[in-house]
């Protein structure tokens, strides 16, 4: 029974701490753009990593020659 008397203030402390962290996150704009990150992964912005089509044609000509 004595354990409960020490756990209740501890849990109240963690509850208040989580509310403070939530308020700080909302003020910093953490939840303003909820769909942007999900849509950004679907966009093709990795063109720098893909081979250029003209270099592919040149490579194909070299292979057939």
PDB file of N, CA and C in Angstrom:
ATOM      1  N   UNK A   1       0.819  -1.190   0.000  1.00  0.00           N
ATOM      2  CA  UNK A   1       0.000   0.000   0.000  1.00  0.00           C
ATOM      3  C   UNK A   1       0.867   1.259   0.000  1.00  0.00           C
ATOM      4  N   UNK A   2       2.044   1.149   0.605  1.00  0.00           N
ATOM      5  CA  UNK A   2       2.930   2.304   0.641  1.00  0.00           C
ATOM      6  C   UNK A   2       3.482   2.643  -0.749  1.00  0.00           C
ATOM      7  N   UNK A   3       3.530   1.633  -1.642  1.00  0.00           N
ATOM      8  CA  UNK A   3       4.030   1.854  -2.997  1.00  0.00           C
ATOM      9  C   UNK A   3       3.100   2.797  -3.751  1.00  0.00           C
ATOM     10  N   UNK A   4       1.827   2.675  -3.535  1.00  0.00           N
ATOM     11  CA  UNK A   4       0.847   3.523  -4.231  1.00  0.00           C
ATOM     12  C   UNK A   4       1.048   4.984  -3.850  1.00  0.00           C
ATOM     13  N   UNK A   5       1.396   5.245  -2.628  1.00  0.00           N
ATOM     14  CA  UNK A   5       1.596   6.625  -2.198  1.00  0.00           C
ATOM     15  C   UNK A   5       2.799   7.261  -2.901  1.00  0.00           C
ATOM     16  N   UNK A   6       3.744   6.440  -3.333  1.00  0.00           N
ATOM     17  CA  UNK A   6       4.886   6.997  -4.065  1.00  0.00           C
ATOM     18  C   UNK A   6       4.632   7.010  -5.572  1.00  0.00           C
ATOM     19  N   UNK A   7       3.795   6.091  -6.087  1.00  0.00           N
ATOM     20  CA  UNK A   7       3.530   6.040  -7.517  1.00  0.00           C
ATOM     21  C   UNK A   7       2.579   7.139  -7.975  1.00  0.00           C
ATOM     22  N   UNK A   8       1.636   7.507  -7.178  1.00  0.00           N
ATOM     23  CA  UNK A   8       0.660   8.523  -7.588  1.00  0.00           C
ATOM     24  C   UNK A   8       1.332   9.863  -7.882  1.00  0.00           C
ATOM     25  N   UNK A   9       2.188  10.389  -7.034  1.00  0.00           N
ATOM     26  CA  UNK A   9       2.858  11.653  -7.410  1.00  0.00           C
ATOM     27  C   UNK A   9       3.784  11.494  -8.616  1.00  0.00           C
ATOM     28  N   UNK A  10       4.408  10.334  -8.748  1.00  0.00           N
ATOM     29  CA  UNK A  10       5.281  10.087  -9.902  1.00  0.00           C
ATOM     30  C   UNK A  10       4.495  10.105 -11.199  1.00  0.00           C
ATOM     31  N   UNK A  11       3.357   9.457 -11.215  1.00  0.00           N
ATOM     32  CA  UNK A  11       2.533   9.436 -12.420  1.00  0.00           C
ATOM     33  C   UNK A  11       1.938  10.812 -12.705  1.00  0.00           C
ATOM     34  N   UNK A  12       1.623  11.558 -11.681  1.00  0.00           N
ATOM     35  CA  UNK A  12       1.133  12.922 -11.889  1.00  0.00           C
ATOM     36  C   UNK A  12       2.241  13.780 -12.493  1.00  0.00           C
ATOM     37  N   UNK A  13       3.478  13.574 -12.058  1.00  0.00           N
ATOM     38  CA  UNK A  13       4.618  14.303 -12.621  1.00  0.00           C
ATOM     39  C   UNK A  13       4.786  13.974 -14.103  1.00  0.00           C
ATOM     40  N   UNK A  14       4.739  12.682 -14.467  1.00  0.00           N
ATOM     41  CA  UNK A  14       4.883  12.296 -15.868  1.00  0.00           C
ATOM     42  C   UNK A  14       3.718  12.801 -16.707  1.00  0.00           C
ATOM     43  N   UNK A  15       2.520  12.842 -16.158  1.00  0.00           N
ATOM     44  CA  UNK A  15       1.371  13.385 -16.878  1.00  0.00           C
ATOM     45  C   UNK A  15       1.550  14.853 -17.186  1.00  0.00           C
ATOM     46  N   UNK A  16       1.997  15.616 -16.204  1.00  0.00           N
ATOM     47  CA  UNK A  16       2.235  17.051 -16.414  1.00  0.00           C
ATOM     48  C   UNK A  16       3.377  17.248 -17.406  1.00  0.00           C
ATOM     49  N   UNK A  17       4.413  16.413 -17.318  1.00  0.00           N
ATOM     50  CA  UNK A  17       5.536  16.501 -18.249  1.00  0.00           C
ATOM     51  C   UNK A  17       5.090  16.227 -19.684  1.00  0.00           C
ATOM     52  N   UNK A  18       4.236  15.233 -19.887  1.00  0.00           N
ATOM     53  CA  UNK A  18       3.744  14.935 -21.236  1.00  0.00           C
ATOM     54  C   UNK A  18       2.881  16.063 -21.779  1.00  0.00           C
ATOM     55  N   UNK A  19       2.072  16.691 -20.940  1.00  0.00           N
ATOM     56  CA  UNK A  19       1.250  17.819 -21.386  1.00  0.00           C
ATOM     57  C   UNK A  19       2.143  18.984 -21.793  1.00  0.00           C
ATOM     58  N   UNK A  20       3.204  19.239 -21.045  1.00  0.00           N
ATOM     59  CA  UNK A  20       4.130  20.333 -21.378  1.00  0.00           C
ATOM     60  C   UNK A  20       4.831  20.044 -22.703  1.00  0.00           C
ATOM     61  N   UNK A  21       5.260  18.796 -22.907  1.00  0.00           N
ATOM     62  CA  UNK A  21       5.921  18.424 -24.165  1.00  0.00           C
ATOM     63  C   UNK A  21       4.944  18.576 -25.330  1.00  0.00           C
ATOM     64  N   UNK A  22       3.693  18.197 -25.145  1.00  0.00           N
ATOM     65  CA  UNK A  22       2.685  18.341 -26.197  1.00  0.00           C
ATOM     66  C   UNK A  22       2.455  19.808 -26.536  1.00  0.00           C
ATOM     67  N   UNK A  23       2.379  20.656 -25.541  1.00  0.00           N
ATOM     68  CA  UNK A  23       2.171  22.088 -25.781  1.00  0.00           C
ATOM     69  C   UNK A  23       3.371  22.680 -26.523  1.00  0.00           C
ATOM     70  N   UNK A  24       4.581  22.298 -26.154  1.00  0.00           N
ATOM     71  CA  UNK A  24       5.773  22.799 -26.844  1.00  0.00           C
ATOM     72  C   UNK A  24       5.778  22.330 -28.302  1.00  0.00           C
ATOM     73  N   UNK A  25       5.403  21.071 -28.546  1.00  0.00           N
ATOM     74  CA  UNK A  25       5.389  20.552 -29.919  1.00  0.00           C
ATOM     75  C   UNK A  25       4.355  21.276 -30.770  1.00  0.00           C
ATOM     76  N   UNK A  26       3.207  21.571 -30.209  1.00  0.00           N
ATOM     77  CA  UNK A  26       2.164  22.276 -30.960  1.00  0.00           C
ATOM     78  C   UNK A  26       2.607  23.702 -31.256  1.00  0.00           C
ATOM     79  N   UNK A  27       3.255  24.357 -30.312  1.00  0.00           N
ATOM     80  CA  UNK A  27       3.707  25.730 -30.535  1.00  0.00           C
ATOM     81  C   UNK A  27       4.814  25.805 -31.577  1.00  0.00           C
ATOM     82  N   UNK A  28       5.632  24.765 -31.703  1.00  0.00           N
ATOM     83  CA  UNK A  28       6.708  24.753 -32.699  1.00  0.00           C
ATOM     84  C   UNK A  28       6.215  24.332 -34.071  1.00  0.00           C
ATOM     85  N   UNK A  29       4.943  23.971 -34.213  1.00  0.00           N
ATOM     86  CA  UNK A  29       4.379  23.642 -35.510  1.00  0.00           C
ATOM     87  C   UNK A  29       4.572  22.207 -35.933  1.00  0.00           C
ATOM     88  N   UNK A  30       4.742  21.322 -34.988  1.00  0.00           N
ATOM     89  CA  UNK A  30       4.957  19.922 -35.296  1.00  0.00           C
ATOM     90  C   UNK A  30       3.757  19.298 -36.000  1.00  0.00           C
ATOM     91  N   UNK A  31       2.550  19.769 -35.728  1.00  0.00           N
ATOM     92  CA  UNK A  31       1.347  19.151 -36.267  1.00  0.00           C
ATOM     93  C   UNK A  31       0.662  20.022 -37.312  1.00  0.00           C
ATOM     94  N   UNK A  32       1.344  21.004 -37.888  1.00  0.00           N
ATOM     95  CA  UNK A  32       0.712  21.882 -38.869  1.00  0.00           C
ATOM     96  C   UNK A  32       0.541  21.209 -40.220  1.00  0.00           C
ATOM     97  N   UNK A  33       1.529  20.472 -40.701  1.00  0.00           N
ATOM     98  CA  UNK A  33       1.466  19.839 -42.010  1.00  0.00           C
ATOM     99  C   UNK A  33       1.407  18.326 -41.828  1.00  0.00           C
ATOM    100  N   UNK A  34       0.226  17.808 -41.657  1.00  0.00           N
ATOM    101  CA  UNK A  34       0.081  16.378 -41.395  1.00  0.00           C
ATOM    102  C   UNK A  34       0.158  15.543 -42.673  1.00  0.00           C
ATOM    103  N   UNK A  35      -0.173  16.118 -43.843  1.00  0.00           N
ATOM    104  CA  UNK A  35      -0.193  15.343 -45.082  1.00  0.00           C
ATOM    105  C   UNK A  35       1.052  15.562 -45.930  1.00  0.00           C
ATOM    106  N   UNK A  36       1.823  16.570 -45.669  1.00  0.00           N
ATOM    107  CA  UNK A  36       2.978  16.894 -46.495  1.00  0.00           C
ATOM    108  C   UNK A  36       4.020  15.796 -46.517  1.00  0.00           C
ATOM    109  N   UNK A  37       4.354  15.249 -45.401  1.00  0.00           N
ATOM    110  CA  UNK A  37       5.367  14.195 -45.346  1.00  0.00           C
ATOM    111  C   UNK A  37       4.892  12.935 -46.043  1.00  0.00           C
ATOM    112  N   UNK A  38       3.618  12.633 -45.914  1.00  0.00           N
ATOM    113  CA  UNK A  38       3.065  11.452 -46.575  1.00  0.00           C
ATOM    114  C   UNK A  38       3.046  11.600 -48.079  1.00  0.00           C
ATOM    115  N   UNK A  39       2.812  12.802 -48.579  1.00  0.00           N
ATOM    116  CA  UNK A  39       2.772  13.032 -50.023  1.00  0.00           C
ATOM    117  C   UNK A  39       4.164  13.191 -50.615  1.00  0.00           C
ATOM    118  N   UNK A  40       5.104  13.704 -49.857  1.00  0.00           N
ATOM    119  CA  UNK A  40       6.455  13.920 -50.363  1.00  0.00           C
ATOM    120  C   UNK A  40       7.143  12.613 -50.737  1.00  0.00           C
ATOM    121  N   UNK A  41       6.819  11.543 -50.059  1.00  0.00           N
ATOM    122  CA  UNK A  41       7.459  10.261 -50.357  1.00  0.00           C
ATOM    123  C   UNK A  41       6.979   9.707 -51.687  1.00  0.00           C
ATOM    124  N   UNK A  42       5.799  10.163 -52.155  1.00  0.00           N
ATOM    125  CA  UNK A  42       5.270   9.672 -53.413  1.00  0.00           C
ATOM    126  C   UNK A  42       5.781  10.455 -54.614  1.00  0.00           C
ATOM    127  N   UNK A  43       6.381  11.611 -54.397  1.00  0.00           N
ATOM    128  CA  UNK A  43       6.852  12.430 -55.499  1.00  0.00           C
ATOM    129  C   UNK A  43       8.198  11.926 -56.004  1.00  0.00           C
ATOM    130  N   UNK A  44       8.428  12.099 -57.303  1.00  0.00           N
ATOM    131  CA  UNK A  44       9.693  11.686 -57.895  1.00  0.00           C
ATOM    132  C   UNK A  44      10.673  12.834 -57.829  1.00  0.00           C
ATOM    133  N   UNK A  45      11.395  12.933 -56.775  1.00  0.00           N
ATOM    134  CA  UNK A  45      12.402  13.977 -56.658  1.00  0.00           C
ATOM    135  C   UNK A  45      13.803  13.384 -56.609  1.00  0.00           C
ATOM    136  N   UNK A  46      13.929  12.141 -57.036  1.00  0.00           N
ATOM    137  CA  UNK A  46      15.224  11.477 -57.013  1.00  0.00           C
ATOM    138  C   UNK A  46      15.790  11.355 -58.419  1.00  0.00           C
ATOM    139  N   UNK A  47      15.550  12.376 -59.258  1.00  0.00           N
ATOM    140  CA  UNK A  47      16.032  12.332 -60.636  1.00  0.00           C
ATOM    141  C   UNK A  47      17.551  12.390 -60.705  1.00  0.00           C
ATOM    142  N   UNK A  48      18.184  12.975 -59.710  1.00  0.00           N
ATOM    143  CA  UNK A  48      19.645  13.030 -59.704  1.00  0.00           C
ATOM    144  C   UNK A  48      20.255  11.640 -59.565  1.00  0.00           C
ATOM    145  N   UNK A  49      19.564  10.741 -58.897  1.00  0.00           N
ATOM    146  CA  UNK A  49      20.093   9.405 -58.673  1.00  0.00           C
ATOM    147  C   UNK A  49      19.826   8.483 -59.858  1.00  0.00           C
ATOM    148  N   UNK A  50      18.837   8.845 -60.710  1.00  0.00           N
ATOM    149  CA  UNK A  50      18.498   7.996 -61.855  1.00  0.00           C
ATOM    150  C   UNK A  50      19.404   8.341 -63.041  1.00  0.00           C
ATOM    151  N   UNK A  51      19.753   7.391 -63.871  1.00  0.00           N
ATOM    152  CA  UNK A  51      20.572   7.682 -65.044  1.00  0.00           C
ATOM    153  C   UNK A  51      19.790   8.524 -66.040  1.00  0.00           C
ATOM    154  N   UNK A  52      20.478   9.417 -66.714  1.00  0.00           N
ATOM    155  CA  UNK A  52      19.852  10.312 -67.678  1.00  0.00           C
ATOM    156  C   UNK A  52      19.474   9.510 -68.927  1.00  0.00           C
ATOM    157  N   UNK A  53      18.302   9.782 -69.571  1.00  0.00           N
ATOM    158  CA  UNK A  53      17.889   8.999 -70.747  1.00  0.00           C
ATOM    159  C   UNK A  53      18.872   9.085 -71.901  1.00  0.00           C
ATOM    160  N   UNK A  54      19.530  10.238 -72.088  1.00  0.00           N
ATOM    161  CA  UNK A  54      20.479  10.339 -73.196  1.00  0.00           C
ATOM    162  C   UNK A  54      21.701   9.469 -72.944  1.00  0.00           C
ATOM    163  N   UNK A  55      22.110   9.349 -71.692  1.00  0.00           N
ATOM    164  CA  UNK A  55      23.259   8.497 -71.399  1.00  0.00           C
ATOM    165  C   UNK A  55      22.892   7.030 -71.578  1.00  0.00           C
ATOM    166  N   UNK A  56      21.606   6.702 -71.378  1.00  0.00           N
ATOM    167  CA  UNK A  56      21.161   5.331 -71.593  1.00  0.00           C
ATOM    168  C   UNK A  56      21.217   4.970 -73.082  1.00  0.00           C
ATOM    169  N   UNK A  57      20.795   5.943 -73.942  1.00  0.00           N
ATOM    170  CA  UNK A  57      20.830   5.683 -75.376  1.00  0.00           C
ATOM    171  C   UNK A  57      22.262   5.531 -75.846  1.00  0.00           C
ATOM    172  N   UNK A  58      23.133   6.377 -75.293  1.00  0.00           N
ATOM    173  CA  UNK A  58      24.537   6.286 -75.661  1.00  0.00           C
ATOM    174  C   UNK A  58      25.140   4.967 -75.218  1.00  0.00           C
ATOM    175  N   UNK A  59      24.727   4.502 -74.048  1.00  0.00           N
ATOM    176  CA  UNK A  59      25.237   3.236 -73.546  1.00  0.00           C
ATOM    177  C   UNK A  59      24.706   2.083 -74.389  1.00  0.00           C
ATOM    178  N   UNK A  60      23.451   2.215 -74.862  1.00  0.00           N
ATOM    179  CA  UNK A  60      22.869   1.173 -75.699  1.00  0.00           C
ATOM    180  C   UNK A  60      23.573   1.089 -77.044  1.00  0.00           C
ATOM    181  N   UNK A  61      23.950   2.240 -77.596  1.00  0.00           N
ATOM    182  CA  UNK A  61      24.651   2.236 -78.877  1.00  0.00           C
ATOM    183  C   UNK A  61      26.014   1.593 -78.740  1.00  0.00           C
ATOM    184  N   UNK A  62      26.666   1.874 -77.621  1.00  0.00           N
ATOM    185  CA  UNK A  62      27.981   1.290 -77.415  1.00  0.00           C
ATOM    186  C   UNK A  62      27.890  -0.216 -77.289  1.00  0.00           C
ATOM    187  N   UNK A  63      26.790  -0.687 -76.655  1.00  0.00           N
ATOM    188  CA  UNK A  63      26.641  -2.116 -76.457  1.00  0.00           C
ATOM    189  C   UNK A  63      26.363  -2.820 -77.786  1.00  0.00           C
ATOM    190  N   UNK A  64      25.599  -2.155 -78.700  1.00  0.00           N
ATOM    191  CA  UNK A  64      25.271  -2.800 -79.973  1.00  0.00           C
ATOM    192  C   UNK A  64      26.404  -2.670 -80.984  1.00  0.00           C
ATOM    193  N   UNK A  65      27.255  -1.661 -80.811  1.00  0.00           N
ATOM    194  CA  UNK A  65      28.346  -1.458 -81.774  1.00  0.00           C
ATOM    195  C   UNK A  65      29.417  -2.464 -81.617  1.00  0.00           C
TER     196      UNK A  65
END
